[in-house]
């Protein structure tokens, strides 16, 4: 299944980035650069697609710091940087204007950069120099505001100067936007701007923080032109998407599903964005990658709703069918659902069922005897089972990826005192409790609803205390 996931979700990144290098056949690329002070060696051109960097090309640097990037096929329009000998680097933008010269000193790449023939790279360095002048003073003002109370004279004076400088930055950018509305730099920079901060207050005068966050999030994508695929070849889209989901959205499956669904549906008319957003969000919430408890609920939702034959045209129906089968196996064991029963044979040849357990809390421990992490965790699991059994917690072990002899030997070696079962046919547990990497732990409450999963043994006692407190 791992190979299918790589083909279905991840491989398109390579196709979109590296494949695009061969897809376009307009005017060739010719970038003539001289960077005084760098040693001879190889200058590498590093491109961006989403949140992935890739090696796009390279050029040989002579002893005078001169190098020539010449290509039969142009680079995809987007954001790049030259990684120079000695590990210095500098960025540049390309669109259709891919025949230009760059001159700079390695001691001051931004300040000394001279651009001839590339409007977008020239605008990029105009903006970088403007920010380089402002940033030290903005940093000083922010420090004053951090150290002083909000209503103090020091804070208020610094705030006035800060707003003036930010206003100047806004005028600087809006002037460029007006003069060069179709430039890649304009689209790139607009997309990277954050919404203006709007202060909302409750009827009693207190700041309405929740409303402020929701308003900010609702307008977070206002500056992005989703009809412009060039932006996917810059860092701006992936950076915004990361912040949107990881900082502006509560890290809870229900919230993440709602917000993810909204943004994916918003970009559905724009094929390249729909492809990137649905793939990227799904990858972030795979079982082994997400840090959100039950984050795979987001993964399941996206695959079920967007990885259909009609919508996910970047992959084959066969791969998509395998992927949907994979998430159907995960779906039964999502949090908030009733934990499925398992009935299988224990070490004494007696069939034991989860639903036969009368304790108000049941912990399902899924393990493989030859798994190093399982071997390490098993004694602690046994200790916890003995400690909490009298307080209403019962464990139920399920062995997987093993055989009868190995399983029984492991149970005996560890000295498990709680029920342990194994089904060599796998029929007893198939599509019930999903496990990607062992050991896996699920916690069921008195109604046998799944209330916790993807846990470490050291997290269990906190869950037990929480659930037992609910019973009182």
Protein backbone atom coordinates (compact mmCIF):
# COMPACT_ATOMS: atom_id res chain seq x y z
CA UNK A 1 0.00 0.00 0.00
CA UNK A 2 2.93 2.34 0.67
CA UNK A 3 3.98 2.08 -2.97
CA UNK A 4 0.43 2.88 -4.09
CA UNK A 5 0.33 5.95 -1.87
CA UNK A 6 3.62 7.18 -3.27
CA UNK A 7 2.32 6.78 -6.81
CA UNK A 8 -1.08 8.22 -6.08
CA UNK A 9 -0.32 11.18 -3.83
CA UNK A 10 3.34 12.12 -3.97
CA UNK A 11 4.66 11.34 -7.44
CA UNK A 12 2.75 14.16 -9.06
CA UNK A 13 5.13 16.65 -7.37
CA UNK A 14 7.97 15.37 -9.50
CA UNK A 15 5.80 15.36 -12.61
CA UNK A 16 4.70 18.93 -11.99
CA UNK A 17 8.17 20.27 -11.31
CA UNK A 18 10.75 18.29 -13.25
CA UNK A 19 8.40 17.30 -16.07
CA UNK A 20 7.50 20.90 -16.68
CA UNK A 21 11.13 21.62 -17.54
CA UNK A 22 10.61 19.65 -20.74
CA UNK A 23 7.04 20.69 -21.42
CA UNK A 24 7.61 24.29 -22.48
CA UNK A 25 9.38 25.20 -25.68
CA UNK A 26 9.22 29.00 -25.84
CA UNK A 27 12.33 31.19 -25.93
CA UNK A 28 15.42 29.58 -24.42
CA UNK A 29 17.01 30.55 -21.09
CA UNK A 30 20.23 32.56 -21.04
CA UNK A 31 21.27 33.99 -17.68
CA UNK A 32 24.68 35.67 -17.62
CA UNK A 33 25.87 36.19 -14.05
CA UNK A 34 28.99 37.52 -12.38
CA UNK A 35 29.31 37.46 -8.60
CA UNK A 36 32.56 39.05 -7.48
CA UNK A 37 34.33 37.22 -4.68
CA UNK A 38 33.03 33.68 -5.10
CA UNK A 39 35.42 30.79 -5.78
CA UNK A 40 35.36 28.73 -8.95
CA UNK A 41 33.08 25.73 -8.87
CA UNK A 42 29.49 24.79 -9.62
CA UNK A 43 26.48 27.10 -9.28
CA UNK A 44 23.30 25.11 -8.84
CA UNK A 45 19.85 26.36 -9.82
CA UNK A 46 17.29 25.29 -7.22
CA UNK A 47 13.61 25.56 -8.06
CA UNK A 48 10.45 25.32 -5.98
CA UNK A 49 7.20 23.48 -6.43
CA UNK A 50 4.81 23.77 -3.50
CA UNK A 51 6.94 22.96 -0.47
CA UNK A 52 9.48 20.92 -2.43
CA UNK A 53 12.83 22.18 -3.71
CA UNK A 54 14.41 20.48 -6.70
CA UNK A 55 17.65 20.81 -8.65
CA UNK A 56 16.67 22.49 -11.92
CA UNK A 57 20.08 23.00 -13.54
CA UNK A 58 23.67 24.05 -12.92
CA UNK A 59 26.43 26.18 -14.43
CA UNK A 60 30.21 26.22 -14.10
CA UNK A 61 31.71 29.25 -12.31
CA UNK A 62 35.14 30.49 -13.42
CA UNK A 63 37.84 32.12 -11.30
CA UNK A 64 36.33 35.59 -11.87
CA UNK A 65 32.93 34.55 -10.51
CA UNK A 66 31.33 34.44 -13.95
CA UNK A 67 28.87 31.73 -15.01
CA UNK A 68 26.38 31.27 -17.83
CA UNK A 69 23.13 29.34 -17.50
CA UNK A 70 22.06 28.37 -20.99
CA UNK A 71 19.11 26.07 -21.68
CA UNK A 72 17.40 24.76 -24.78
CA UNK A 73 14.06 24.77 -22.93
CA UNK A 74 13.11 27.54 -20.49
CA UNK A 75 12.58 27.13 -16.78
CA UNK A 76 8.95 27.03 -15.65
CA UNK A 77 8.02 30.57 -14.56
CA UNK A 78 8.58 30.87 -10.84
CA UNK A 79 10.97 31.51 -7.96
CA UNK A 80 14.53 30.14 -8.02
CA UNK A 81 17.83 30.67 -6.30
CA UNK A 82 21.42 30.13 -7.29
CA UNK A 83 23.36 28.05 -4.76
CA UNK A 84 26.90 29.32 -5.22
CA UNK A 85 30.28 27.73 -4.48
CA UNK A 86 30.98 28.48 -0.84
CA UNK A 87 27.27 27.98 0.03
CA UNK A 88 26.12 31.58 -0.53
CA UNK A 89 22.85 31.88 -2.43
CA UNK A 90 20.60 34.50 -3.96
CA UNK A 91 17.06 34.39 -5.40
CA UNK A 92 15.68 35.35 -8.80
CA UNK A 93 12.31 35.28 -10.55
CA UNK A 94 11.69 34.16 -14.11
CA UNK A 95 8.66 34.40 -16.32
CA UNK A 96 8.98 34.73 -20.09
CA UNK A 97 11.94 37.09 -19.59
CA UNK A 98 14.66 34.45 -19.27
CA UNK A 99 17.51 36.21 -21.07
CA UNK A 100 19.15 38.62 -18.65
CA UNK A 101 22.33 39.53 -16.79
CA UNK A 102 23.09 39.66 -13.06
CA UNK A 103 26.04 41.47 -11.46
CA UNK A 104 26.77 41.62 -7.72
CA UNK A 105 29.39 41.34 -4.99
CA UNK A 106 29.24 38.30 -2.75
CA UNK A 107 29.80 40.54 0.30
CA UNK A 108 26.46 42.31 -0.35
CA UNK A 109 24.34 40.29 -2.73
CA UNK A 110 21.11 42.21 -2.19
CA UNK A 111 22.54 45.70 -1.97
CA UNK A 112 24.90 45.37 -4.94
CA UNK A 113 22.71 43.32 -7.28
CA UNK A 114 22.36 44.84 -10.76
CA UNK A 115 19.74 43.30 -13.03
CA UNK A 116 19.50 43.93 -16.77
CA UNK A 117 16.76 42.32 -18.86
CA UNK A 118 14.51 40.79 -16.18
CA UNK A 119 11.70 42.99 -14.92
CA UNK A 120 10.61 40.44 -12.29
CA UNK A 121 14.06 39.92 -10.79
CA UNK A 122 14.66 43.67 -10.82
CA UNK A 123 11.40 44.26 -8.94
CA UNK A 124 12.32 41.48 -6.51
CA UNK A 125 15.58 43.23 -5.60
CA UNK A 126 13.96 46.65 -5.39
CA UNK A 127 11.64 45.19 -2.79
CA UNK A 128 14.41 43.30 -0.96
CA UNK A 129 16.47 46.49 -0.67
CA UNK A 130 13.44 48.45 0.59
CA UNK A 131 12.80 45.82 3.27
CA UNK A 132 16.48 45.66 4.22
CA UNK A 133 16.36 49.37 5.08
CA UNK A 134 13.15 49.07 7.10
CA UNK A 135 13.64 45.77 8.92
CA UNK A 136 16.20 46.86 11.58
CA UNK A 137 14.02 49.79 12.65
CA UNK A 138 10.84 47.69 12.64
CA UNK A 139 12.66 45.15 14.79
CA UNK A 140 13.67 47.86 17.26
CA UNK A 141 10.10 49.18 17.47
CA UNK A 142 8.70 45.69 18.00
CA UNK A 143 11.15 45.15 20.87
CA UNK A 144 10.02 48.39 22.54
CA UNK A 145 6.37 47.31 22.21
CA UNK A 146 7.17 43.87 23.61
CA UNK A 147 8.86 45.29 26.70
CA UNK A 148 6.24 47.94 27.56
CA UNK A 149 2.55 47.79 28.55
CA UNK A 150 0.11 48.47 25.66
CA UNK A 151 -1.07 51.81 27.09
CA UNK A 152 2.34 53.16 28.07
CA UNK A 153 3.78 56.23 26.28
CA UNK A 154 6.72 54.15 25.01
CA UNK A 155 4.44 51.53 23.50
CA UNK A 156 2.08 54.05 21.90
CA UNK A 157 4.92 56.09 20.40
CA UNK A 158 6.56 52.96 18.94
CA UNK A 159 3.20 51.85 17.57
CA UNK A 160 2.73 55.13 15.71
CA UNK A 161 6.15 54.84 14.05
CA UNK A 162 5.54 51.17 13.24
CA UNK A 163 2.24 51.96 11.49
CA UNK A 164 3.90 54.76 9.52
CA UNK A 165 6.65 52.43 8.30
CA UNK A 166 4.21 49.67 7.41
CA UNK A 167 2.12 52.22 5.56
CA UNK A 168 5.20 53.21 3.59
CA UNK A 169 5.84 49.55 2.74
CA UNK A 170 2.27 49.23 1.52
CA UNK A 171 2.61 52.31 -0.71
CA UNK A 172 5.89 50.94 -2.07
CA UNK A 173 4.21 47.69 -3.10
CA UNK A 174 1.01 49.25 -4.40
CA UNK A 175 3.08 51.50 -6.66
CA UNK A 176 4.72 48.42 -8.18
CA UNK A 177 1.36 46.67 -8.52
CA UNK A 178 -0.10 49.64 -10.38
CA UNK A 179 2.86 50.05 -12.74
CA UNK A 180 3.32 46.31 -13.41
CA UNK A 181 -0.07 44.60 -12.93
CA UNK A 182 0.78 41.52 -15.01
CA UNK A 183 4.27 40.88 -13.60
CA UNK A 184 4.96 37.62 -11.81
CA UNK A 185 6.45 39.65 -8.97
CA UNK A 186 3.11 41.43 -8.50
CA UNK A 187 1.14 38.18 -8.36
CA UNK A 188 3.79 36.62 -6.08
CA UNK A 189 3.92 39.53 -3.66
CA UNK A 190 0.16 40.05 -3.52
CA UNK A 191 -0.31 36.39 -2.69
CA UNK A 192 2.13 36.65 0.20
CA UNK A 193 0.44 39.57 1.93
CA UNK A 194 -1.56 38.94 5.09
CA UNK A 195 -5.04 40.41 5.62
CA UNK A 196 -5.24 43.74 7.42
CA UNK A 197 -5.78 43.26 11.12
CA UNK A 198 -9.35 44.10 12.18
CA UNK A 199 -10.14 44.58 15.85
CA UNK A 200 -13.48 43.24 17.03
CA UNK A 201 -14.90 43.83 20.51
CA UNK A 202 -17.60 42.16 22.55
CA UNK A 203 -20.56 44.20 23.90
CA UNK A 204 -18.71 44.58 27.23
CA UNK A 205 -15.70 46.11 25.50
CA UNK A 206 -13.39 43.08 25.72
CA UNK A 207 -11.50 42.07 22.58
CA UNK A 208 -13.35 39.33 20.67
CA UNK A 209 -10.32 37.16 19.90
CA UNK A 210 -12.30 34.35 18.28
CA UNK A 211 -14.05 36.68 15.86
CA UNK A 212 -10.72 38.31 14.96
CA UNK A 213 -9.14 34.94 14.15
CA UNK A 214 -12.13 33.79 12.09
CA UNK A 215 -12.22 37.08 10.15
CA UNK A 216 -8.48 36.88 9.53
CA UNK A 217 -8.77 33.30 8.33
CA UNK A 218 -11.76 34.06 6.11
CA UNK A 219 -9.72 36.70 4.27
CA UNK A 220 -6.39 34.87 4.32
CA UNK A 221 -6.50 33.91 0.63
CA UNK A 222 -7.90 37.20 -0.72
CA UNK A 223 -4.65 38.21 -2.41
CA UNK A 224 -4.07 34.90 -4.19
CA UNK A 225 -4.89 34.62 -7.88
CA UNK A 226 -5.72 30.94 -8.27
CA UNK A 227 -5.87 31.35 -12.03
CA UNK A 228 -2.09 31.95 -11.98
CA UNK A 229 -0.29 28.56 -11.91
CA UNK A 230 3.10 30.32 -11.71
CA UNK A 231 2.57 30.80 -7.97
CA UNK A 232 2.86 27.08 -7.36
CA UNK A 233 6.49 27.39 -8.50
CA UNK A 234 7.16 29.81 -5.63
CA UNK A 235 7.19 29.16 -1.86
CA UNK A 236 4.20 31.42 -1.22
CA UNK A 237 1.33 28.95 -1.71
CA UNK A 238 2.76 26.14 0.43
CA UNK A 239 3.80 28.60 3.15
CA UNK A 240 0.28 30.04 3.29
CA UNK A 241 -1.30 26.61 3.29
CA UNK A 242 0.90 25.48 6.19
CA UNK A 243 -0.01 28.52 8.24
CA UNK A 244 -3.69 28.31 7.31
CA UNK A 245 -4.01 24.72 8.52
CA UNK A 246 -1.42 24.51 11.30
CA UNK A 247 -1.66 27.95 12.93
CA UNK A 248 -5.06 29.41 12.05
CA UNK A 249 -7.10 26.23 12.43
CA UNK A 250 -7.65 24.34 15.70
CA UNK A 251 -5.71 21.07 15.58
CA UNK A 252 -8.78 18.90 15.89
CA UNK A 253 -10.07 16.57 13.15
CA UNK A 254 -13.52 18.19 12.89
CA UNK A 255 -12.06 21.68 12.46
CA UNK A 256 -9.38 20.50 10.05
CA UNK A 257 -11.91 18.60 7.94
CA UNK A 258 -14.18 21.63 7.69
CA UNK A 259 -11.42 24.07 6.75
CA UNK A 260 -9.66 21.63 4.40
CA UNK A 261 -12.90 20.83 2.60
CA UNK A 262 -13.66 24.52 2.13
CA UNK A 263 -10.29 25.47 0.67
CA UNK A 264 -10.11 22.41 -1.62
CA UNK A 265 -13.56 23.12 -2.99
CA UNK A 266 -12.59 26.76 -3.49
CA UNK A 267 -9.69 25.78 -5.77
CA UNK A 268 -11.48 22.97 -7.61
CA UNK A 269 -12.02 25.11 -10.75
CA UNK A 270 -8.22 25.54 -10.99
CA UNK A 271 -6.82 22.11 -11.84
CA UNK A 272 -3.21 22.58 -10.73
CA UNK A 273 -4.23 24.10 -7.39
CA UNK A 274 -6.87 21.44 -6.79
CA UNK A 275 -4.26 18.77 -7.46
CA UNK A 276 -1.70 20.34 -5.15
CA UNK A 277 -4.04 21.25 -2.29
CA UNK A 278 -5.82 17.88 -2.12
CA UNK A 279 -2.53 15.95 -2.31
CA UNK A 280 -0.66 18.16 0.15
CA UNK A 281 -3.38 18.16 2.82
CA UNK A 282 -3.89 14.41 2.47
CA UNK A 283 -0.15 13.75 2.86
CA UNK A 284 0.00 15.89 6.01
CA UNK A 285 -2.62 13.69 7.68
CA UNK A 286 -1.41 10.22 6.82
CA UNK A 287 -1.41 7.89 9.80
CA UNK A 288 2.36 7.93 10.31
CA UNK A 289 2.84 11.64 9.63
CA UNK A 290 0.11 13.53 11.45
CA UNK A 291 0.69 14.82 14.99
CA UNK A 292 -3.05 15.37 15.46
CA UNK A 293 -4.84 12.62 17.34
CA UNK A 294 -7.01 10.90 14.74
CA UNK A 295 -5.61 13.19 12.07
CA UNK A 296 -6.20 10.35 9.62
CA UNK A 297 -9.89 11.31 9.76
CA UNK A 298 -8.86 14.28 7.59
CA UNK A 299 -7.00 11.92 5.27
CA UNK A 300 -10.03 9.64 4.97
CA UNK A 301 -12.35 12.56 4.24
CA UNK A 302 -10.15 13.98 1.48
CA UNK A 303 -9.55 10.65 -0.24
CA UNK A 304 -13.23 9.71 -0.14
CA UNK A 305 -14.43 13.06 -1.45
CA UNK A 306 -11.72 14.16 -3.86
CA UNK A 307 -9.73 11.13 -5.00
CA UNK A 308 -12.44 9.93 -7.34
CA UNK A 309 -12.00 8.82 -10.93
CA UNK A 310 -13.80 11.97 -12.10
CA UNK A 311 -11.77 14.45 -10.05
CA UNK A 312 -8.31 12.94 -9.52
CA UNK A 313 -7.45 12.78 -13.20
CA UNK A 314 -3.72 12.80 -12.47
CA UNK A 315 -3.77 9.11 -11.50
CA UNK A 316 -5.10 5.82 -12.84
CA UNK A 317 -8.46 4.33 -11.79
CA UNK A 318 -6.58 1.26 -10.53
CA UNK A 319 -4.39 3.25 -8.13
CA UNK A 320 -7.32 5.34 -6.97
CA UNK A 321 -9.37 2.21 -6.26
CA UNK A 322 -6.54 0.80 -4.12
CA UNK A 323 -6.28 4.08 -2.24
CA UNK A 324 -10.01 4.20 -1.55
CA UNK A 325 -9.87 0.59 -0.34
CA UNK A 326 -7.05 1.61 1.98
CA UNK A 327 -9.10 4.39 3.59
CA UNK A 328 -12.15 2.14 3.88
CA UNK A 329 -10.00 -0.07 6.11
CA UNK A 330 -9.13 2.97 8.24
CA UNK A 331 -12.64 4.38 8.49
CA UNK A 332 -14.13 1.93 11.01
CA UNK A 333 -11.60 2.87 13.68
CA UNK A 334 -11.83 6.65 13.58
CA UNK A 335 -12.39 8.44 16.88
CA UNK A 336 -15.99 9.02 17.88
CA UNK A 337 -17.11 5.81 16.21
CA UNK A 338 -18.17 2.70 18.05
CA UNK A 339 -15.19 0.39 18.32
CA UNK A 340 -15.86 -2.81 16.35
CA UNK A 341 -15.94 -6.07 18.26
CA UNK A 342 -13.15 -8.60 17.79
CA UNK A 343 -13.63 -12.26 18.63
CA UNK A 344 -10.58 -14.48 18.30
CA UNK A 345 -8.76 -17.32 20.04
CA UNK A 346 -6.56 -16.68 23.06
CA UNK A 347 -3.41 -18.60 24.08
CA UNK A 348 -5.54 -21.31 25.71
CA UNK A 349 -7.62 -21.91 22.60
CA UNK A 350 -10.66 -20.10 23.98
CA UNK A 351 -12.50 -17.50 21.91
CA UNK A 352 -12.50 -14.11 23.65
CA UNK A 353 -14.42 -11.01 22.57
CA UNK A 354 -13.88 -7.33 23.29
CA UNK A 355 -17.58 -6.92 23.98
CA UNK A 356 -17.46 -9.61 26.67
CA UNK A 357 -15.32 -7.31 28.80
CA UNK A 358 -17.41 -5.58 31.48
CA UNK A 359 -14.86 -2.97 32.60
CA UNK A 360 -15.92 0.60 31.74
CA UNK A 361 -12.69 1.25 29.86
CA UNK A 362 -11.03 -1.10 27.38
CA UNK A 363 -7.54 -0.62 25.92
CA UNK A 364 -6.78 -2.45 22.68
CA UNK A 365 -3.08 -3.18 22.35
CA UNK A 366 -2.04 -4.28 18.86
CA UNK A 367 1.47 -5.65 18.61
CA UNK A 368 3.86 -7.80 16.63
CA UNK A 369 6.31 -10.02 18.59
CA UNK A 370 9.27 -9.22 16.33
CA UNK A 371 8.68 -5.44 16.49
CA UNK A 372 11.41 -3.75 18.56
CA UNK A 373 9.09 -0.98 19.75
CA UNK A 374 6.52 -3.60 20.79
CA UNK A 375 9.16 -5.49 22.74
CA UNK A 376 10.09 -2.28 24.54
CA UNK A 377 6.50 -1.22 25.25
CA UNK A 378 5.09 -4.62 26.24
CA UNK A 379 6.40 -4.71 29.87
CA UNK A 380 5.04 -1.21 30.49
CA UNK A 381 1.67 -2.20 29.04
CA UNK A 382 1.55 -5.18 31.39
CA UNK A 383 2.46 -2.96 34.35
CA UNK A 384 -0.32 -0.52 33.50
CA UNK A 385 -2.85 -3.32 33.06
CA UNK A 386 -2.17 -4.59 36.58
CA UNK A 387 -2.15 -1.11 38.11
CA UNK A 388 -5.46 -0.02 36.59
CA UNK A 389 -7.46 -3.26 36.48
CA UNK A 390 -9.00 -2.67 39.92
CA UNK A 391 -10.02 0.85 38.87
CA UNK A 392 -12.04 -0.22 35.85
CA UNK A 393 -9.55 -0.54 32.99
CA UNK A 394 -9.13 -3.80 31.06
CA UNK A 395 -6.61 -4.52 28.29
CA UNK A 396 -7.20 -6.67 25.21
CA UNK A 397 -4.13 -7.65 23.18
CA UNK A 398 -4.22 -8.46 19.47
CA UNK A 399 -1.16 -10.00 17.85
CA UNK A 400 -0.58 -9.32 14.16
CA UNK A 401 2.07 -10.15 11.55
CA UNK A 402 3.26 -13.21 13.40
CA UNK A 403 2.59 -16.93 13.77
CA UNK A 404 1.10 -19.05 16.53
CA UNK A 405 4.39 -20.18 18.06
CA UNK A 406 6.02 -16.72 18.08
CA UNK A 407 2.91 -15.13 19.54
CA UNK A 408 2.56 -17.62 22.39
CA UNK A 409 6.29 -17.44 23.17
CA UNK A 410 6.11 -13.63 23.34
CA UNK A 411 3.06 -13.65 25.63
CA UNK A 412 4.82 -16.09 27.95
CA UNK A 413 8.10 -14.15 27.93
CA UNK A 414 6.46 -10.81 28.77
CA UNK A 415 4.07 -12.43 31.23
CA UNK A 416 0.89 -10.82 29.94
CA UNK A 417 -1.97 -11.35 32.39
CA UNK A 418 -4.69 -9.77 30.24
CA UNK A 419 -6.50 -11.35 27.29
CA UNK A 420 -4.35 -11.87 24.21
CA UNK A 421 -5.74 -13.14 20.91
CA UNK A 422 -4.42 -14.03 17.48
CA UNK A 423 -6.17 -14.93 14.24
CA UNK A 424 -3.84 -16.40 11.60
CA UNK A 425 -6.52 -15.79 8.92
CA UNK A 426 -6.78 -12.07 9.89
CA UNK A 427 -10.55 -12.29 9.32
CA UNK A 428 -11.33 -11.43 12.95
CA UNK A 429 -9.64 -8.02 12.77
CA UNK A 430 -9.70 -7.04 9.08
CA UNK A 431 -11.03 -3.49 8.56
CA UNK A 432 -11.76 -3.09 12.27
CA UNK A 433 -8.81 -1.50 14.05
CA UNK A 434 -6.41 0.06 11.58
CA UNK A 435 -2.72 -0.28 12.35
CA UNK A 436 0.05 1.09 10.16
CA UNK A 437 2.97 0.82 12.57
CA UNK A 438 3.02 -1.34 15.68
CA UNK A 439 2.46 -0.99 18.54
CA UNK A 440 -0.96 0.63 18.24
CA UNK A 441 -3.23 1.57 21.13
CA UNK A 442 -6.96 2.34 21.10
CA UNK A 443 -9.07 3.33 24.11
CA UNK A 444 -12.81 2.54 24.25
CA UNK A 445 -15.16 4.11 26.80
CA UNK A 446 -18.11 2.49 28.57
CA UNK A 447 -20.21 2.78 25.40
CA UNK A 448 -17.32 1.22 23.47
CA UNK A 449 -16.81 4.43 21.56
CA UNK A 450 -13.23 5.11 20.47
CA UNK A 451 -12.07 8.05 22.62
CA UNK A 452 -8.31 7.91 22.03
CA UNK A 453 -5.84 6.30 19.62
CA UNK A 454 -2.30 6.56 18.20
CA UNK A 455 -1.01 6.74 21.76
CA UNK A 456 2.24 6.08 23.57
CA UNK A 457 2.07 4.07 26.78
CA UNK A 458 3.01 7.13 28.84
CA UNK A 459 -0.15 8.90 27.63
CA UNK A 460 -2.56 6.20 28.77
CA UNK A 461 -2.93 7.18 32.42
CA UNK A 462 -4.00 10.70 31.52
CA UNK A 463 -6.69 9.21 29.27
CA UNK A 464 -7.81 6.80 32.01
CA UNK A 465 -8.17 9.60 34.55
CA UNK A 466 -10.13 11.71 32.09
CA UNK A 467 -12.55 8.93 31.16
CA UNK A 468 -13.05 7.68 34.71
CA UNK A 469 -13.77 11.21 35.86
CA UNK A 470 -16.57 11.38 33.29
CA UNK A 471 -18.17 8.29 34.83
CA UNK A 472 -18.46 10.06 38.20
